[in-house]
């Protein structure tokens, strides 16, 4: 059980870090780009919000399998497939949790408008300086919300990880899969323990996020 919890936390931390790195420039582009087709990109990013996890997991399984592009890329590094590996699980989790990180950051970038950026430009700041010294600090609540939601969503995901990760102890068996296993084998005590822990964790995450957002809003 300890190994499963550690693996779940490891997956959530790595996924959240990757999403913040990848999602920040994407959210900035969605918030500031005048391109008419940006909402089509935003729709693709948001698809996991409404797409059944098993559907997304099925197509990711085809993508990561030995015959898919992901499998061919894996062969370059000496592996036969990305499916049923921790690396494949990370990629799938990043795709599945992306809207939970990108959308709050995009909303935060849009909320402060153009005026602070124009003021920074008149003071001689370069676009890069403006982004790091003005945009990022002003969008801090969005980053906090995105990071918390991305982490929590990754911890609780089930359908996608089951489809592309399977149930390999120490490699892809995360908490949600472990709970499913215990229920299937009628080990109610262990299922209650993990499920109750997830319930408490979810409550603490939401309460913390709401409290911090409220305090940041008052400070602003």
C-alpha atoms as a PDB file:
ATOM      1  CA  UNK A   1       0.000   0.000   0.000  1.00  0.00           C
ATOM      2  CA  UNK A   2       2.845   2.387   0.830  1.00  0.00           C
ATOM      3  CA  UNK A   3       4.411   1.790  -2.576  1.00  0.00           C
ATOM      4  CA  UNK A   4       1.089   2.570  -4.265  1.00  0.00           C
ATOM      5  CA  UNK A   5       0.699   5.849  -2.360  1.00  0.00           C
ATOM      6  CA  UNK A   6       4.285   6.858  -3.163  1.00  0.00           C
ATOM      7  CA  UNK A   7       3.802   6.052  -6.853  1.00  0.00           C
ATOM      8  CA  UNK A   8       0.577   8.088  -6.954  1.00  0.00           C
ATOM      9  CA  UNK A   9       2.248  11.114  -5.352  1.00  0.00           C
ATOM     10  CA  UNK A  10       5.224  10.787  -7.686  1.00  0.00           C
ATOM     11  CA  UNK A  11       2.908  10.709 -10.704  1.00  0.00           C
ATOM     12  CA  UNK A  12       0.943  13.728  -9.454  1.00  0.00           C
ATOM     13  CA  UNK A  13       4.057  15.809  -8.724  1.00  0.00           C
ATOM     14  CA  UNK A  14       5.697  15.091 -12.084  1.00  0.00           C
ATOM     15  CA  UNK A  15       2.451  15.643 -13.987  1.00  0.00           C
ATOM     16  CA  UNK A  16       1.791  18.957 -12.235  1.00  0.00           C
ATOM     17  CA  UNK A  17       5.335  20.182 -12.885  1.00  0.00           C
ATOM     18  CA  UNK A  18       5.131  19.287 -16.578  1.00  0.00           C
ATOM     19  CA  UNK A  19       1.705  20.902 -16.895  1.00  0.00           C
ATOM     20  CA  UNK A  20       2.930  24.163 -15.356  1.00  0.00           C
ATOM     21  CA  UNK A  21       5.892  24.245 -17.736  1.00  0.00           C
ATOM     22  CA  UNK A  22       3.878  23.341 -20.836  1.00  0.00           C
ATOM     23  CA  UNK A  23       0.613  24.983 -19.844  1.00  0.00           C
ATOM     24  CA  UNK A  24       1.969  28.445 -18.994  1.00  0.00           C
ATOM     25  CA  UNK A  25       3.049  29.471 -22.526  1.00  0.00           C
ATOM     26  CA  UNK A  26      -0.052  27.801 -23.957  1.00  0.00           C
ATOM     27  CA  UNK A  27      -2.325  29.702 -21.555  1.00  0.00           C
ATOM     28  CA  UNK A  28      -0.499  32.964 -22.349  1.00  0.00           C
ATOM     29  CA  UNK A  29      -0.972  32.416 -26.078  1.00  0.00           C
ATOM     30  CA  UNK A  30      -4.660  31.578 -25.625  1.00  0.00           C
ATOM     31  CA  UNK A  31      -5.147  34.695 -23.493  1.00  0.00           C
ATOM     32  CA  UNK A  32      -3.258  37.144 -25.723  1.00  0.00           C
ATOM     33  CA  UNK A  33      -3.200  35.826 -29.276  1.00  0.00           C
ATOM     34  CA  UNK A  34      -5.481  37.543 -31.830  1.00  0.00           C
ATOM     35  CA  UNK A  35      -5.563  34.366 -33.964  1.00  0.00           C
ATOM     36  CA  UNK A  36      -9.103  33.473 -34.972  1.00  0.00           C
ATOM     37  CA  UNK A  37      -8.413  29.757 -34.599  1.00  0.00           C
ATOM     38  CA  UNK A  38      -7.155  29.907 -31.016  1.00  0.00           C
ATOM     39  CA  UNK A  39     -10.549  28.829 -29.659  1.00  0.00           C
ATOM     40  CA  UNK A  40     -10.272  25.645 -31.716  1.00  0.00           C
ATOM     41  CA  UNK A  41      -6.991  24.969 -29.894  1.00  0.00           C
ATOM     42  CA  UNK A  42      -8.674  25.816 -26.579  1.00  0.00           C
ATOM     43  CA  UNK A  43     -11.432  23.335 -27.426  1.00  0.00           C
ATOM     44  CA  UNK A  44      -8.904  20.565 -28.039  1.00  0.00           C
ATOM     45  CA  UNK A  45      -7.235  21.359 -24.710  1.00  0.00           C
ATOM     46  CA  UNK A  46     -10.617  21.242 -22.942  1.00  0.00           C
ATOM     47  CA  UNK A  47     -11.761  17.950 -24.504  1.00  0.00           C
ATOM     48  CA  UNK A  48     -10.816  15.841 -21.440  1.00  0.00           C
ATOM     49  CA  UNK A  49     -13.443  17.782 -19.445  1.00  0.00           C
ATOM     50  CA  UNK A  50     -16.278  16.114 -21.386  1.00  0.00           C
ATOM     51  CA  UNK A  51     -14.645  13.151 -23.110  1.00  0.00           C
ATOM     52  CA  UNK A  52     -15.144   9.825 -21.278  1.00  0.00           C
ATOM     53  CA  UNK A  53     -11.806   8.800 -19.741  1.00  0.00           C
ATOM     54  CA  UNK A  54     -12.029   5.359 -21.328  1.00  0.00           C
ATOM     55  CA  UNK A  55     -12.341   6.917 -24.792  1.00  0.00           C
ATOM     56  CA  UNK A  56      -9.279   9.077 -24.245  1.00  0.00           C
ATOM     57  CA  UNK A  57      -7.453   6.119 -22.694  1.00  0.00           C
ATOM     58  CA  UNK A  58      -8.339   3.899 -25.652  1.00  0.00           C
ATOM     59  CA  UNK A  59      -6.876   6.284 -28.210  1.00  0.00           C
ATOM     60  CA  UNK A  60      -3.814   6.896 -26.052  1.00  0.00           C
ATOM     61  CA  UNK A  61      -3.359   3.130 -25.838  1.00  0.00           C
ATOM     62  CA  UNK A  62      -3.379   2.942 -29.644  1.00  0.00           C
ATOM     63  CA  UNK A  63      -0.988   5.890 -29.805  1.00  0.00           C
ATOM     64  CA  UNK A  64       1.458   4.449 -27.254  1.00  0.00           C
ATOM     65  CA  UNK A  65       1.238   0.819 -28.392  1.00  0.00           C
ATOM     66  CA  UNK A  66       3.944  -0.986 -30.399  1.00  0.00           C
ATOM     67  CA  UNK A  67       2.221  -0.128 -33.693  1.00  0.00           C
ATOM     68  CA  UNK A  68       1.546   3.509 -32.812  1.00  0.00           C
ATOM     69  CA  UNK A  69       3.801   6.574 -33.131  1.00  0.00           C
ATOM     70  CA  UNK A  70       4.571   6.482 -29.412  1.00  0.00           C
ATOM     71  CA  UNK A  71       5.691   2.861 -29.691  1.00  0.00           C
ATOM     72  CA  UNK A  72       8.005   3.695 -32.580  1.00  0.00           C
ATOM     73  CA  UNK A  73       9.530   6.570 -30.618  1.00  0.00           C
ATOM     74  CA  UNK A  74       9.985   4.260 -27.617  1.00  0.00           C
ATOM     75  CA  UNK A  75      11.935   1.848 -29.834  1.00  0.00           C
ATOM     76  CA  UNK A  76      14.573   4.541 -30.345  1.00  0.00           C
ATOM     77  CA  UNK A  77      15.262   4.345 -26.606  1.00  0.00           C
ATOM     78  CA  UNK A  78      15.245   0.560 -26.449  1.00  0.00           C
ATOM     79  CA  UNK A  79      11.649   0.069 -25.265  1.00  0.00           C
ATOM     80  CA  UNK A  80       8.905  -1.759 -27.144  1.00  0.00           C
ATOM     81  CA  UNK A  81       6.046   0.479 -26.081  1.00  0.00           C
ATOM     82  CA  UNK A  82       5.053   3.437 -23.926  1.00  0.00           C
ATOM     83  CA  UNK A  83       1.836   1.705 -22.900  1.00  0.00           C
ATOM     84  CA  UNK A  84       1.867   0.050 -19.462  1.00  0.00           C
ATOM     85  CA  UNK A  85       4.885   2.083 -18.359  1.00  0.00           C
ATOM     86  CA  UNK A  86       5.239   4.906 -15.860  1.00  0.00           C
ATOM     87  CA  UNK A  87       6.437   7.233 -18.630  1.00  0.00           C
ATOM     88  CA  UNK A  88       3.288   6.525 -20.638  1.00  0.00           C
ATOM     89  CA  UNK A  89       1.248   7.122 -17.512  1.00  0.00           C
ATOM     90  CA  UNK A  90       2.837  10.555 -17.101  1.00  0.00           C
ATOM     91  CA  UNK A  91       2.097  11.530 -20.705  1.00  0.00           C
ATOM     92  CA  UNK A  92      -1.496  10.342 -20.420  1.00  0.00           C
ATOM     93  CA  UNK A  93      -1.967  12.173 -17.118  1.00  0.00           C
ATOM     94  CA  UNK A  94      -0.581  15.393 -18.604  1.00  0.00           C
ATOM     95  CA  UNK A  95      -3.063  15.221 -21.477  1.00  0.00           C
ATOM     96  CA  UNK A  96      -5.985  14.274 -19.222  1.00  0.00           C
ATOM     97  CA  UNK A  97      -5.324  16.960 -16.587  1.00  0.00           C
ATOM     98  CA  UNK A  98      -4.280  19.745 -18.970  1.00  0.00           C
ATOM     99  CA  UNK A  99      -7.564  21.734 -18.952  1.00  0.00           C
ATOM    100  CA  UNK A 100      -7.527  21.840 -15.140  1.00  0.00           C
ATOM    101  CA  UNK A 101      -4.210  23.720 -15.262  1.00  0.00           C
ATOM    102  CA  UNK A 102      -4.382  25.693 -18.504  1.00  0.00           C
ATOM    103  CA  UNK A 103      -7.841  27.198 -18.018  1.00  0.00           C
ATOM    104  CA  UNK A 104      -7.246  28.807 -14.575  1.00  0.00           C
ATOM    105  CA  UNK A 105      -3.938  30.253 -15.765  1.00  0.00           C
ATOM    106  CA  UNK A 106      -5.547  31.571 -18.949  1.00  0.00           C
ATOM    107  CA  UNK A 107      -8.337  33.174 -16.924  1.00  0.00           C
ATOM    108  CA  UNK A 108      -5.764  34.815 -14.659  1.00  0.00           C
ATOM    109  CA  UNK A 109      -3.831  36.209 -17.633  1.00  0.00           C
ATOM    110  CA  UNK A 110      -7.043  37.606 -19.118  1.00  0.00           C
ATOM    111  CA  UNK A 111      -8.245  39.085 -15.821  1.00  0.00           C
ATOM    112  CA  UNK A 112      -5.629  41.829 -15.444  1.00  0.00           C
ATOM    113  CA  UNK A 113      -6.105  43.115 -18.982  1.00  0.00           C
ATOM    114  CA  UNK A 114      -3.645  44.891 -21.235  1.00  0.00           C
ATOM    115  CA  UNK A 115      -3.002  48.012 -19.162  1.00  0.00           C
ATOM    116  CA  UNK A 116      -0.224  46.672 -16.832  1.00  0.00           C
ATOM    117  CA  UNK A 117       1.654  45.311 -19.845  1.00  0.00           C
ATOM    118  CA  UNK A 118       1.420  48.642 -21.659  1.00  0.00           C
ATOM    119  CA  UNK A 119       2.684  50.504 -18.611  1.00  0.00           C
ATOM    120  CA  UNK A 120       5.652  48.157 -18.321  1.00  0.00           C
ATOM    121  CA  UNK A 121       6.424  48.661 -22.025  1.00  0.00           C
ATOM    122  CA  UNK A 122       6.414  52.458 -21.644  1.00  0.00           C
ATOM    123  CA  UNK A 123       8.959  52.085 -18.840  1.00  0.00           C
ATOM    124  CA  UNK A 124      11.295  50.262 -21.211  1.00  0.00           C
ATOM    125  CA  UNK A 125      10.629  46.653 -20.207  1.00  0.00           C
ATOM    126  CA  UNK A 126      11.119  44.039 -22.890  1.00  0.00           C
ATOM    127  CA  UNK A 127       8.315  41.530 -23.584  1.00  0.00           C
ATOM    128  CA  UNK A 128      10.260  38.848 -21.692  1.00  0.00           C
ATOM    129  CA  UNK A 129      10.818  41.145 -18.701  1.00  0.00           C
ATOM    130  CA  UNK A 130       7.155  42.147 -18.753  1.00  0.00           C
ATOM    131  CA  UNK A 131       6.061  38.536 -18.754  1.00  0.00           C
ATOM    132  CA  UNK A 132       8.223  37.508 -15.793  1.00  0.00           C
ATOM    133  CA  UNK A 133       7.999  40.660 -13.677  1.00  0.00           C
ATOM    134  CA  UNK A 134       4.400  41.738 -14.370  1.00  0.00           C
ATOM    135  CA  UNK A 135       2.268  38.995 -15.904  1.00  0.00           C
ATOM    136  CA  UNK A 136       3.404  36.079 -13.764  1.00  0.00           C
ATOM    137  CA  UNK A 137       3.030  37.860 -10.390  1.00  0.00           C
ATOM    138  CA  UNK A 138      -0.414  39.182 -11.347  1.00  0.00           C
ATOM    139  CA  UNK A 139      -1.506  35.706 -12.451  1.00  0.00           C
ATOM    140  CA  UNK A 140      -0.337  34.021  -9.225  1.00  0.00           C
ATOM    141  CA  UNK A 141      -3.859  33.007  -8.081  1.00  0.00           C
ATOM    142  CA  UNK A 142      -4.407  31.252 -11.409  1.00  0.00           C
ATOM    143  CA  UNK A 143      -1.151  29.341 -11.053  1.00  0.00           C
ATOM    144  CA  UNK A 144      -2.070  28.279  -7.538  1.00  0.00           C
ATOM    145  CA  UNK A 145      -5.508  27.091  -8.614  1.00  0.00           C
ATOM    146  CA  UNK A 146      -4.124  25.293 -11.652  1.00  0.00           C
ATOM    147  CA  UNK A 147      -1.391  23.542  -9.695  1.00  0.00           C
ATOM    148  CA  UNK A 148      -3.773  22.373  -6.972  1.00  0.00           C
ATOM    149  CA  UNK A 149      -6.434  21.196  -9.425  1.00  0.00           C
ATOM    150  CA  UNK A 150      -3.872  19.471 -11.642  1.00  0.00           C
ATOM    151  CA  UNK A 151      -2.317  17.662  -8.684  1.00  0.00           C
ATOM    152  CA  UNK A 152      -5.648  16.618  -7.174  1.00  0.00           C
ATOM    153  CA  UNK A 153      -7.093  15.527 -10.511  1.00  0.00           C
ATOM    154  CA  UNK A 154      -4.052  13.374 -11.238  1.00  0.00           C
ATOM    155  CA  UNK A 155      -4.272  11.719  -7.819  1.00  0.00           C
ATOM    156  CA  UNK A 156      -7.913  10.795  -8.423  1.00  0.00           C
ATOM    157  CA  UNK A 157      -7.892   9.772 -12.091  1.00  0.00           C
ATOM    158  CA  UNK A 158      -8.962   6.224 -12.894  1.00  0.00           C
ATOM    159  CA  UNK A 159     -10.194   5.487 -16.422  1.00  0.00           C
ATOM    160  CA  UNK A 160      -7.206   6.822 -18.323  1.00  0.00           C
ATOM    161  CA  UNK A 161      -4.590   5.251 -16.048  1.00  0.00           C
ATOM    162  CA  UNK A 162      -6.375   1.906 -16.169  1.00  0.00           C
ATOM    163  CA  UNK A 163      -6.474   1.929 -19.983  1.00  0.00           C
ATOM    164  CA  UNK A 164      -2.895   2.988 -20.657  1.00  0.00           C
ATOM    165  CA  UNK A 165      -1.169   1.864 -17.470  1.00  0.00           C
ATOM    166  CA  UNK A 166      -2.921  -1.343 -16.533  1.00  0.00           C
ATOM    167  CA  UNK A 167      -2.315  -2.662 -13.048  1.00  0.00           C
ATOM    168  CA  UNK A 168       1.398  -3.306 -12.589  1.00  0.00           C
ATOM    169  CA  UNK A 169       2.526  -3.093  -8.935  1.00  0.00           C
ATOM    170  CA  UNK A 170       5.370  -0.629  -8.478  1.00  0.00           C
ATOM    171  CA  UNK A 171       5.063   0.635 -12.043  1.00  0.00           C
ATOM    172  CA  UNK A 172       1.517   1.756 -12.857  1.00  0.00           C
ATOM    173  CA  UNK A 173      -0.684   0.687  -9.930  1.00  0.00           C
ATOM    174  CA  UNK A 174      -1.900   3.967  -8.430  1.00  0.00           C
ATOM    175  CA  UNK A 175      -4.408   4.589  -5.626  1.00  0.00           C
ATOM    176  CA  UNK A 176      -7.549   4.575  -7.746  1.00  0.00           C
ATOM    177  CA  UNK A 177      -6.566   1.235  -9.291  1.00  0.00           C
ATOM    178  CA  UNK A 178      -5.728  -0.198  -5.864  1.00  0.00           C
ATOM    179  CA  UNK A 179      -9.192   0.748  -4.550  1.00  0.00           C
ATOM    180  CA  UNK A 180     -10.778  -0.946  -7.574  1.00  0.00           C
ATOM    181  CA  UNK A 181      -8.699  -4.072  -6.903  1.00  0.00           C
ATOM    182  CA  UNK A 182      -9.714  -4.220  -3.239  1.00  0.00           C
ATOM    183  CA  UNK A 183     -13.392  -3.857  -4.114  1.00  0.00           C
ATOM    184  CA  UNK A 184     -13.155  -6.579  -6.756  1.00  0.00           C
ATOM    185  CA  UNK A 185     -11.553  -8.971  -4.274  1.00  0.00           C
ATOM    186  CA  UNK A 186     -13.995  -7.976  -1.488  1.00  0.00           C
ATOM    187  CA  UNK A 187     -11.263  -6.522   0.732  1.00  0.00           C
ATOM    188  CA  UNK A 188     -13.616  -3.884   2.112  1.00  0.00           C
ATOM    189  CA  UNK A 189     -11.380  -2.780   4.974  1.00  0.00           C
ATOM    190  CA  UNK A 190      -8.486  -1.833   2.717  1.00  0.00           C
ATOM    191  CA  UNK A 191     -10.875  -0.257   0.210  1.00  0.00           C
ATOM    192  CA  UNK A 192     -12.448   1.842   2.986  1.00  0.00           C
ATOM    193  CA  UNK A 193      -9.021   2.924   4.208  1.00  0.00           C
ATOM    194  CA  UNK A 194      -7.854   4.184   0.814  1.00  0.00           C
ATOM    195  CA  UNK A 195     -11.212   5.605  -0.225  1.00  0.00           C
ATOM    196  CA  UNK A 196     -11.588   7.425   3.087  1.00  0.00           C
ATOM    197  CA  UNK A 197      -8.092   8.827   2.726  1.00  0.00           C
ATOM    198  CA  UNK A 198      -8.930  10.079  -0.761  1.00  0.00           C
ATOM    199  CA  UNK A 199     -12.109  11.696   0.572  1.00  0.00           C
ATOM    200  CA  UNK A 200     -10.225  13.527   3.317  1.00  0.00           C
ATOM    201  CA  UNK A 201      -7.504  14.526   0.854  1.00  0.00           C
ATOM    202  CA  UNK A 202     -10.066  15.968  -1.580  1.00  0.00           C
ATOM    203  CA  UNK A 203     -11.774  17.950   1.185  1.00  0.00           C
ATOM    204  CA  UNK A 204      -8.467  19.396   2.398  1.00  0.00           C
ATOM    205  CA  UNK A 205      -7.389  20.311  -1.143  1.00  0.00           C
ATOM    206  CA  UNK A 206     -10.619  22.161  -1.939  1.00  0.00           C
ATOM    207  CA  UNK A 207     -10.751  23.916   1.450  1.00  0.00           C
ATOM    208  CA  UNK A 208      -7.117  25.003   1.173  1.00  0.00           C
ATOM    209  CA  UNK A 209      -7.581  26.278  -2.371  1.00  0.00           C
ATOM    210  CA  UNK A 210     -10.674  28.304  -1.462  1.00  0.00           C
ATOM    211  CA  UNK A 211      -9.005  29.785   1.627  1.00  0.00           C
ATOM    212  CA  UNK A 212      -5.816  30.778  -0.176  1.00  0.00           C
ATOM    213  CA  UNK A 213      -7.730  32.225  -3.137  1.00  0.00           C
ATOM    214  CA  UNK A 214      -9.816  34.302  -0.745  1.00  0.00           C
ATOM    215  CA  UNK A 215      -6.744  35.652   1.016  1.00  0.00           C
ATOM    216  CA  UNK A 216      -4.983  36.420  -2.253  1.00  0.00           C
ATOM    217  CA  UNK A 217      -8.078  38.218  -3.456  1.00  0.00           C
ATOM    218  CA  UNK A 218      -8.143  40.382  -0.325  1.00  0.00           C
ATOM    219  CA  UNK A 219      -4.429  41.129  -0.688  1.00  0.00           C
ATOM    220  CA  UNK A 220      -4.946  42.149  -4.302  1.00  0.00           C
END
